Every structure is written in structure tokens, then in C-alpha cells.
Amino acid sequence: MKFMTAIVALFVGIVSRVATAAPAPVARDIWDPTILSPNASTVWRSGEAYTVVWETADQPKQITNPNGFIILRSGDIETPVLLAWDFDIRDGQTDVVVPNVLTGNYSVVLFGDSGNWGETFEIIGPSGF
């Protein structure tokens, strides 16, 4: 019985020592920047270059993932159309070229630290498309 008590005490001691030696979790902030452009008054044309702009004044000190990418959203559906990738979301903007899509209402979705989308705007697709 004394042997089992000693083994349990040893085990508890080892576990508590390991637990206190483990690094404390790092607090990470999630940043959901407001997309400034394109906005509801914006009209893009397929094949042309534009700049997507988002607010950076409220970014936290610690950003979980600064590597961003932007996709196109149609209604409630995030499309597989990738507009930009491998940029630093702390820059507050990146250039895109509008792909050939059907004329309609879209929004851009900014991913990096968090995924969020901007206001709905119009894209005019190529003629006869």
C-alpha cells in the first residue's frame, strides 16, 4: 500500500512539474478590418485593374495570420474566384484584376486574420458574356 502511495505521489509530482513548465498560451487578437473599397457606389468592369482598400487604424499588435487573400462573393455564396493572394493584410490595400464574370452584384471577401466581406457592388461582365 505504501508503495502505491509513493508511486501515485511521484506521478502527481511529475505531472504538476510538467504542467508548470509548459509555456503559457499566447493571447492572439482576431482582426476584422472594415473594407472601404469597393463599396455600394462602386462599379467594376471585367478585365480592368482596381485596388481593394481596408481600414488599418484598428489593427491589433499581434495578428494571427498577416498573409491575406481576397475572393469574390456573389450573394450569399463565396465563389472560388481568387482575386489576390500572398499580400500582407497590414498594408491596407492590394491591387486586383477583375476576371470575366457575369454582370451582377458581388462583394469581396478579405481573408488573413479573419474573413469578412465588404458592401455589395456591381461588376459589369464582358460584352456577350
N, C-alpha and C. Protein backbone atom coordinates (compact mmCIF):
# COMPACT_ATOMS: atom_id res chain seq x y z
N MET A 1 0.82 -1.19 0.00
CA MET A 1 0.00 0.00 0.00
C MET A 1 0.87 1.25 0.00
N LYS A 2 1.95 1.24 0.86
CA LYS A 2 2.83 2.40 0.91
C LYS A 2 3.54 2.57 -0.43
N PHE A 3 3.82 1.46 -1.10
CA PHE A 3 4.48 1.51 -2.40
C PHE A 3 3.58 2.22 -3.42
N MET A 4 2.27 1.90 -3.47
CA MET A 4 1.33 2.53 -4.39
C MET A 4 1.17 4.00 -4.07
N THR A 5 1.14 4.36 -2.81
CA THR A 5 1.03 5.77 -2.41
C THR A 5 2.25 6.53 -2.90
N ALA A 6 3.42 5.94 -2.78
CA ALA A 6 4.64 6.59 -3.23
C ALA A 6 4.64 6.76 -4.75
N ILE A 7 4.17 5.76 -5.48
CA ILE A 7 4.11 5.84 -6.94
C ILE A 7 3.13 6.93 -7.38
N VAL A 8 1.96 6.97 -6.74
CA VAL A 8 0.96 7.99 -7.07
C VAL A 8 1.51 9.38 -6.76
N ALA A 9 2.16 9.55 -5.64
CA ALA A 9 2.74 10.84 -5.27
C ALA A 9 3.81 11.26 -6.27
N LEU A 10 4.64 10.32 -6.69
CA LEU A 10 5.66 10.61 -7.68
C LEU A 10 5.03 11.04 -9.00
N PHE A 11 4.00 10.31 -9.43
CA PHE A 11 3.31 10.62 -10.67
C PHE A 11 2.68 12.01 -10.61
N VAL A 12 2.01 12.33 -9.52
CA VAL A 12 1.38 13.65 -9.36
C VAL A 12 2.44 14.74 -9.37
N GLY A 13 3.57 14.49 -8.74
CA GLY A 13 4.66 15.47 -8.73
C GLY A 13 5.21 15.73 -10.13
N ILE A 14 5.39 14.66 -10.90
CA ILE A 14 5.91 14.80 -12.27
C ILE A 14 4.91 15.56 -13.13
N VAL A 15 3.64 15.20 -13.05
CA VAL A 15 2.61 15.85 -13.85
C VAL A 15 2.52 17.34 -13.49
N SER A 16 2.55 17.67 -12.22
CA SER A 16 2.45 19.08 -11.83
C SER A 16 3.68 19.87 -12.28
N ARG A 17 4.86 19.25 -12.25
CA ARG A 17 6.07 19.92 -12.70
C ARG A 17 6.02 20.17 -14.20
N VAL A 18 5.56 19.18 -14.98
CA VAL A 18 5.43 19.34 -16.43
C VAL A 18 4.40 20.41 -16.75
N ALA A 19 3.30 20.42 -16.04
CA ALA A 19 2.24 21.40 -16.29
C ALA A 19 2.73 22.82 -16.03
N THR A 20 3.52 23.01 -15.00
CA THR A 20 4.00 24.36 -14.71
C THR A 20 5.14 24.75 -15.64
N ALA A 21 5.82 23.80 -16.25
CA ALA A 21 6.92 24.10 -17.17
C ALA A 21 6.42 24.42 -18.58
N ALA A 22 5.20 24.03 -18.88
CA ALA A 22 4.66 24.28 -20.22
C ALA A 22 4.48 25.78 -20.42
N PRO A 23 4.77 26.28 -21.64
CA PRO A 23 4.62 27.71 -21.89
C PRO A 23 3.15 28.11 -21.83
N ALA A 24 2.92 29.31 -21.33
CA ALA A 24 1.56 29.82 -21.24
C ALA A 24 1.05 30.11 -22.65
N PRO A 25 -0.24 29.87 -22.89
CA PRO A 25 -0.77 30.17 -24.22
C PRO A 25 -0.66 31.67 -24.51
N VAL A 26 -0.37 32.00 -25.78
CA VAL A 26 -0.23 33.38 -26.19
C VAL A 26 -1.60 33.91 -26.60
N ALA A 27 -1.96 35.04 -26.05
CA ALA A 27 -3.23 35.66 -26.43
C ALA A 27 -3.09 36.22 -27.84
N ARG A 28 -4.02 35.88 -28.69
CA ARG A 28 -3.99 36.36 -30.06
C ARG A 28 -5.27 37.13 -30.35
N ASP A 29 -5.11 38.24 -31.03
CA ASP A 29 -6.25 39.05 -31.38
C ASP A 29 -6.75 38.68 -32.77
N ILE A 30 -8.04 38.68 -32.93
CA ILE A 30 -8.65 38.47 -34.23
C ILE A 30 -9.01 39.85 -34.77
N TRP A 31 -8.56 40.12 -35.96
CA TRP A 31 -8.78 41.43 -36.58
C TRP A 31 -9.73 41.28 -37.75
N ASP A 32 -10.77 42.05 -37.76
CA ASP A 32 -11.80 42.01 -38.78
C ASP A 32 -11.88 43.40 -39.42
N PRO A 33 -10.91 43.74 -40.29
CA PRO A 33 -10.88 45.11 -40.83
C PRO A 33 -12.07 45.44 -41.73
N THR A 34 -12.51 46.68 -41.66
CA THR A 34 -13.60 47.16 -42.50
C THR A 34 -13.09 47.40 -43.91
N ILE A 35 -13.77 46.84 -44.89
CA ILE A 35 -13.40 47.07 -46.29
C ILE A 35 -14.00 48.40 -46.72
N LEU A 36 -13.14 49.29 -47.19
CA LEU A 36 -13.56 50.64 -47.58
C LEU A 36 -13.89 50.72 -49.08
N SER A 37 -13.18 49.97 -49.89
CA SER A 37 -13.41 49.98 -51.32
C SER A 37 -13.08 48.61 -51.89
N PRO A 38 -13.96 48.04 -52.67
CA PRO A 38 -15.15 48.64 -53.27
C PRO A 38 -16.29 48.77 -52.26
N ASN A 39 -17.18 49.72 -52.56
CA ASN A 39 -18.35 49.92 -51.70
C ASN A 39 -19.61 49.97 -52.57
N ALA A 40 -20.73 50.30 -51.97
CA ALA A 40 -22.02 50.23 -52.66
C ALA A 40 -22.10 51.11 -53.90
N SER A 41 -21.29 52.16 -53.99
CA SER A 41 -21.34 53.05 -55.16
C SER A 41 -20.31 52.67 -56.24
N THR A 42 -19.59 51.58 -56.02
CA THR A 42 -18.53 51.16 -56.93
C THR A 42 -19.08 50.33 -58.09
N VAL A 43 -18.50 50.55 -59.28
CA VAL A 43 -18.79 49.72 -60.45
C VAL A 43 -17.45 49.31 -61.03
N TRP A 44 -17.23 48.01 -61.13
CA TRP A 44 -16.03 47.46 -61.75
C TRP A 44 -16.39 46.88 -63.11
N ARG A 45 -15.39 46.79 -63.99
CA ARG A 45 -15.56 46.16 -65.30
C ARG A 45 -14.58 45.00 -65.41
N SER A 46 -15.05 43.89 -65.94
CA SER A 46 -14.19 42.72 -66.14
C SER A 46 -12.97 43.11 -66.97
N GLY A 47 -11.82 42.56 -66.57
CA GLY A 47 -10.57 42.79 -67.28
C GLY A 47 -9.79 44.01 -66.84
N GLU A 48 -10.39 44.86 -65.99
CA GLU A 48 -9.71 46.07 -65.55
C GLU A 48 -9.12 45.88 -64.15
N ALA A 49 -8.11 46.69 -63.84
CA ALA A 49 -7.42 46.62 -62.54
C ALA A 49 -8.02 47.65 -61.57
N TYR A 50 -8.14 47.23 -60.32
CA TYR A 50 -8.67 48.09 -59.26
C TYR A 50 -7.89 47.82 -57.98
N THR A 51 -8.11 48.67 -57.00
CA THR A 51 -7.46 48.49 -55.71
C THR A 51 -8.52 48.23 -54.65
N VAL A 52 -8.36 47.15 -53.89
CA VAL A 52 -9.22 46.86 -52.75
C VAL A 52 -8.55 47.52 -51.54
N VAL A 53 -9.33 48.29 -50.77
CA VAL A 53 -8.78 49.05 -49.64
C VAL A 53 -9.57 48.71 -48.38
N TRP A 54 -8.85 48.54 -47.25
CA TRP A 54 -9.50 48.27 -45.97
C TRP A 54 -8.85 49.11 -44.88
N GLU A 55 -9.58 49.29 -43.80
CA GLU A 55 -9.15 50.09 -42.64
C GLU A 55 -8.02 49.38 -41.91
N THR A 56 -6.97 50.14 -41.54
CA THR A 56 -5.86 49.55 -40.80
C THR A 56 -5.62 50.21 -39.44
N ALA A 57 -6.30 51.30 -39.15
CA ALA A 57 -6.04 52.03 -37.90
C ALA A 57 -6.36 51.21 -36.66
N ASP A 58 -7.24 50.23 -36.78
CA ASP A 58 -7.67 49.46 -35.61
C ASP A 58 -6.98 48.10 -35.50
N GLN A 59 -5.89 47.87 -36.25
CA GLN A 59 -5.25 46.56 -36.19
C GLN A 59 -4.56 46.33 -34.85
N PRO A 60 -4.66 45.11 -34.33
CA PRO A 60 -4.04 44.79 -33.04
C PRO A 60 -2.53 44.63 -33.19
N LYS A 61 -1.83 44.60 -32.06
CA LYS A 61 -0.38 44.40 -32.07
C LYS A 61 -0.02 43.01 -32.58
N GLN A 62 -0.75 42.00 -32.14
CA GLN A 62 -0.50 40.61 -32.52
C GLN A 62 -1.56 40.17 -33.52
N ILE A 63 -1.14 39.89 -34.75
CA ILE A 63 -2.07 39.41 -35.76
C ILE A 63 -1.76 37.93 -36.00
N THR A 64 -2.77 37.11 -35.88
CA THR A 64 -2.59 35.67 -36.01
C THR A 64 -2.03 35.27 -37.37
N ASN A 65 -2.57 35.84 -38.43
CA ASN A 65 -2.11 35.49 -39.78
C ASN A 65 -2.12 36.73 -40.65
N PRO A 66 -0.96 37.32 -40.94
CA PRO A 66 -0.92 38.54 -41.76
C PRO A 66 -0.97 38.27 -43.27
N ASN A 67 -0.90 37.00 -43.69
CA ASN A 67 -0.90 36.67 -45.12
C ASN A 67 -2.33 36.61 -45.62
N GLY A 68 -2.67 37.55 -46.51
CA GLY A 68 -4.05 37.65 -46.94
C GLY A 68 -4.33 37.11 -48.31
N PHE A 69 -5.62 36.90 -48.56
CA PHE A 69 -6.11 36.62 -49.89
C PHE A 69 -7.54 37.14 -49.99
N ILE A 70 -7.95 37.43 -51.22
CA ILE A 70 -9.27 38.01 -51.46
C ILE A 70 -9.98 37.16 -52.50
N ILE A 71 -11.22 36.82 -52.19
CA ILE A 71 -12.06 36.11 -53.16
C ILE A 71 -13.30 36.95 -53.45
N LEU A 72 -14.01 36.54 -54.49
CA LEU A 72 -15.22 37.22 -54.90
C LEU A 72 -16.43 36.49 -54.31
N ARG A 73 -17.39 37.24 -53.86
CA ARG A 73 -18.61 36.68 -53.28
C ARG A 73 -19.79 37.13 -54.14
N SER A 74 -20.71 36.21 -54.39
CA SER A 74 -21.91 36.51 -55.16
C SER A 74 -23.11 36.15 -54.30
N GLY A 75 -23.85 37.16 -53.86
CA GLY A 75 -24.96 36.91 -52.95
C GLY A 75 -24.43 36.35 -51.64
N ASP A 76 -24.95 35.20 -51.24
CA ASP A 76 -24.50 34.55 -50.00
C ASP A 76 -23.45 33.47 -50.26
N ILE A 77 -22.94 33.41 -51.49
CA ILE A 77 -22.01 32.34 -51.85
C ILE A 77 -20.61 32.90 -52.09
N GLU A 78 -19.64 32.33 -51.38
CA GLU A 78 -18.25 32.68 -51.64
C GLU A 78 -17.80 31.86 -52.83
N THR A 79 -17.48 32.53 -53.92
CA THR A 79 -17.10 31.84 -55.15
C THR A 79 -15.66 31.35 -55.05
N PRO A 80 -15.26 30.47 -55.96
CA PRO A 80 -13.86 30.03 -55.99
C PRO A 80 -12.96 31.02 -56.75
N VAL A 81 -13.46 32.21 -57.05
CA VAL A 81 -12.70 33.20 -57.82
C VAL A 81 -11.74 33.93 -56.88
N LEU A 82 -10.46 33.65 -57.05
CA LEU A 82 -9.41 34.24 -56.24
C LEU A 82 -8.92 35.51 -56.94
N LEU A 83 -9.08 36.66 -56.27
CA LEU A 83 -8.68 37.94 -56.87
C LEU A 83 -7.25 38.34 -56.52
N ALA A 84 -6.79 38.02 -55.31
CA ALA A 84 -5.44 38.39 -54.87
C ALA A 84 -5.02 37.42 -53.77
N TRP A 85 -3.70 37.23 -53.63
CA TRP A 85 -3.18 36.32 -52.61
C TRP A 85 -1.75 36.71 -52.26
N ASP A 86 -1.31 36.22 -51.13
CA ASP A 86 0.06 36.41 -50.66
C ASP A 86 0.44 37.88 -50.50
N PHE A 87 -0.44 38.65 -49.88
CA PHE A 87 -0.13 40.03 -49.54
C PHE A 87 -0.27 40.18 -48.03
N ASP A 88 0.29 41.24 -47.47
CA ASP A 88 0.25 41.49 -46.04
C ASP A 88 -0.99 42.32 -45.72
N ILE A 89 -1.90 41.76 -44.92
CA ILE A 89 -3.15 42.48 -44.63
C ILE A 89 -2.92 43.77 -43.85
N ARG A 90 -1.73 43.92 -43.25
CA ARG A 90 -1.42 45.15 -42.53
C ARG A 90 -1.18 46.32 -43.48
N ASP A 91 -1.01 46.04 -44.79
CA ASP A 91 -0.78 47.11 -45.78
C ASP A 91 -2.02 47.94 -46.06
N GLY A 92 -3.20 47.37 -45.86
CA GLY A 92 -4.44 48.12 -46.03
C GLY A 92 -4.95 48.21 -47.46
N GLN A 93 -4.25 47.62 -48.40
CA GLN A 93 -4.73 47.62 -49.78
C GLN A 93 -3.96 46.62 -50.62
N THR A 94 -4.58 46.22 -51.71
CA THR A 94 -3.90 45.38 -52.70
C THR A 94 -4.63 45.55 -54.03
N ASP A 95 -3.90 45.38 -55.11
CA ASP A 95 -4.47 45.52 -56.45
C ASP A 95 -5.02 44.18 -56.94
N VAL A 96 -6.10 44.27 -57.70
CA VAL A 96 -6.72 43.08 -58.29
C VAL A 96 -7.08 43.37 -59.74
N VAL A 97 -7.19 42.32 -60.53
CA VAL A 97 -7.73 42.43 -61.88
C VAL A 97 -9.03 41.66 -61.88
N VAL A 98 -10.09 42.31 -62.34
CA VAL A 98 -11.41 41.70 -62.31
C VAL A 98 -11.50 40.63 -63.40
N PRO A 99 -11.87 39.41 -63.02
CA PRO A 99 -11.99 38.34 -64.01
C PRO A 99 -13.26 38.47 -64.84
N ASN A 100 -13.37 37.66 -65.85
CA ASN A 100 -14.58 37.63 -66.66
C ASN A 100 -15.67 36.90 -65.89
N VAL A 101 -16.61 37.67 -65.38
CA VAL A 101 -17.75 37.12 -64.65
C VAL A 101 -19.02 37.71 -65.24
N LEU A 102 -20.14 37.07 -64.97
CA LEU A 102 -21.42 37.60 -65.41
C LEU A 102 -21.69 38.94 -64.76
N THR A 103 -22.33 39.84 -65.48
CA THR A 103 -22.74 41.11 -64.90
C THR A 103 -23.65 40.83 -63.72
N GLY A 104 -23.36 41.50 -62.60
CA GLY A 104 -24.18 41.29 -61.40
C GLY A 104 -23.60 41.96 -60.19
N ASN A 105 -24.20 41.64 -59.05
CA ASN A 105 -23.78 42.22 -57.78
C ASN A 105 -22.87 41.25 -57.05
N TYR A 106 -21.76 41.78 -56.55
CA TYR A 106 -20.73 40.99 -55.89
C TYR A 106 -20.23 41.75 -54.66
N SER A 107 -19.43 41.08 -53.87
CA SER A 107 -18.67 41.72 -52.80
C SER A 107 -17.33 41.00 -52.73
N VAL A 108 -16.35 41.63 -52.09
CA VAL A 108 -15.06 40.99 -51.92
C VAL A 108 -14.96 40.47 -50.49
N VAL A 109 -14.27 39.34 -50.34
CA VAL A 109 -14.06 38.75 -49.02
C VAL A 109 -12.56 38.77 -48.75
N LEU A 110 -12.19 39.41 -47.64
CA LEU A 110 -10.80 39.52 -47.23
C LEU A 110 -10.48 38.48 -46.18
N PHE A 111 -9.51 37.61 -46.47
CA PHE A 111 -9.06 36.60 -45.52
C PHE A 111 -7.64 36.90 -45.10
N GLY A 112 -7.32 36.49 -43.94
CA GLY A 112 -5.99 36.65 -43.36
C GLY A 112 -6.16 36.31 -41.90
N ASP A 113 -6.27 37.31 -41.09
CA ASP A 113 -6.50 37.10 -39.68
C ASP A 113 -7.94 36.65 -39.44
N SER A 114 -8.83 37.13 -40.25
CA SER A 114 -10.24 36.79 -40.14
C SER A 114 -10.85 36.95 -41.53
N GLY A 115 -11.97 36.36 -41.75
CA GLY A 115 -12.64 36.50 -43.04
C GLY A 115 -13.82 37.45 -42.90
N ASN A 116 -13.87 38.45 -43.73
CA ASN A 116 -15.00 39.36 -43.70
C ASN A 116 -15.23 39.88 -45.12
N TRP A 117 -16.43 40.33 -45.38
CA TRP A 117 -16.73 40.82 -46.71
C TRP A 117 -17.23 42.24 -46.65
N GLY A 118 -17.04 42.93 -47.78
CA GLY A 118 -17.44 44.32 -47.91
C GLY A 118 -18.86 44.47 -48.44
N GLU A 119 -19.18 45.70 -48.78
CA GLU A 119 -20.50 46.01 -49.30
C GLU A 119 -20.68 45.42 -50.70
N THR A 120 -21.92 45.23 -51.07
CA THR A 120 -22.25 44.73 -52.40
C THR A 120 -22.04 45.85 -53.42
N PHE A 121 -21.42 45.51 -54.55
CA PHE A 121 -21.19 46.46 -55.63
C PHE A 121 -21.42 45.75 -56.95
N GLU A 122 -21.38 46.50 -58.04
CA GLU A 122 -21.68 45.92 -59.35
C GLU A 122 -20.39 45.64 -60.13
N ILE A 123 -20.39 44.50 -60.82
CA ILE A 123 -19.36 44.19 -61.80
C ILE A 123 -20.06 44.04 -63.14
N ILE A 124 -19.54 44.75 -64.14
CA ILE A 124 -20.07 44.63 -65.49
C ILE A 124 -19.18 43.65 -66.23
N GLY A 125 -19.77 42.54 -66.62
CA GLY A 125 -19.03 41.49 -67.31
C GLY A 125 -18.72 41.86 -68.75
N PRO A 126 -17.96 41.03 -69.44
CA PRO A 126 -17.61 41.32 -70.84
C PRO A 126 -18.86 41.27 -71.72
N SER A 127 -18.82 41.99 -72.83
CA SER A 127 -19.95 42.01 -73.76
C SER A 127 -20.23 40.62 -74.29
N GLY A 128 -21.49 40.25 -74.31
CA GLY A 128 -21.89 38.97 -74.83
C GLY A 128 -21.59 37.80 -73.91
N PHE A 129 -21.26 38.08 -72.68
CA PHE A 129 -20.90 37.02 -71.73
C PHE A 129 -22.04 36.72 -70.82
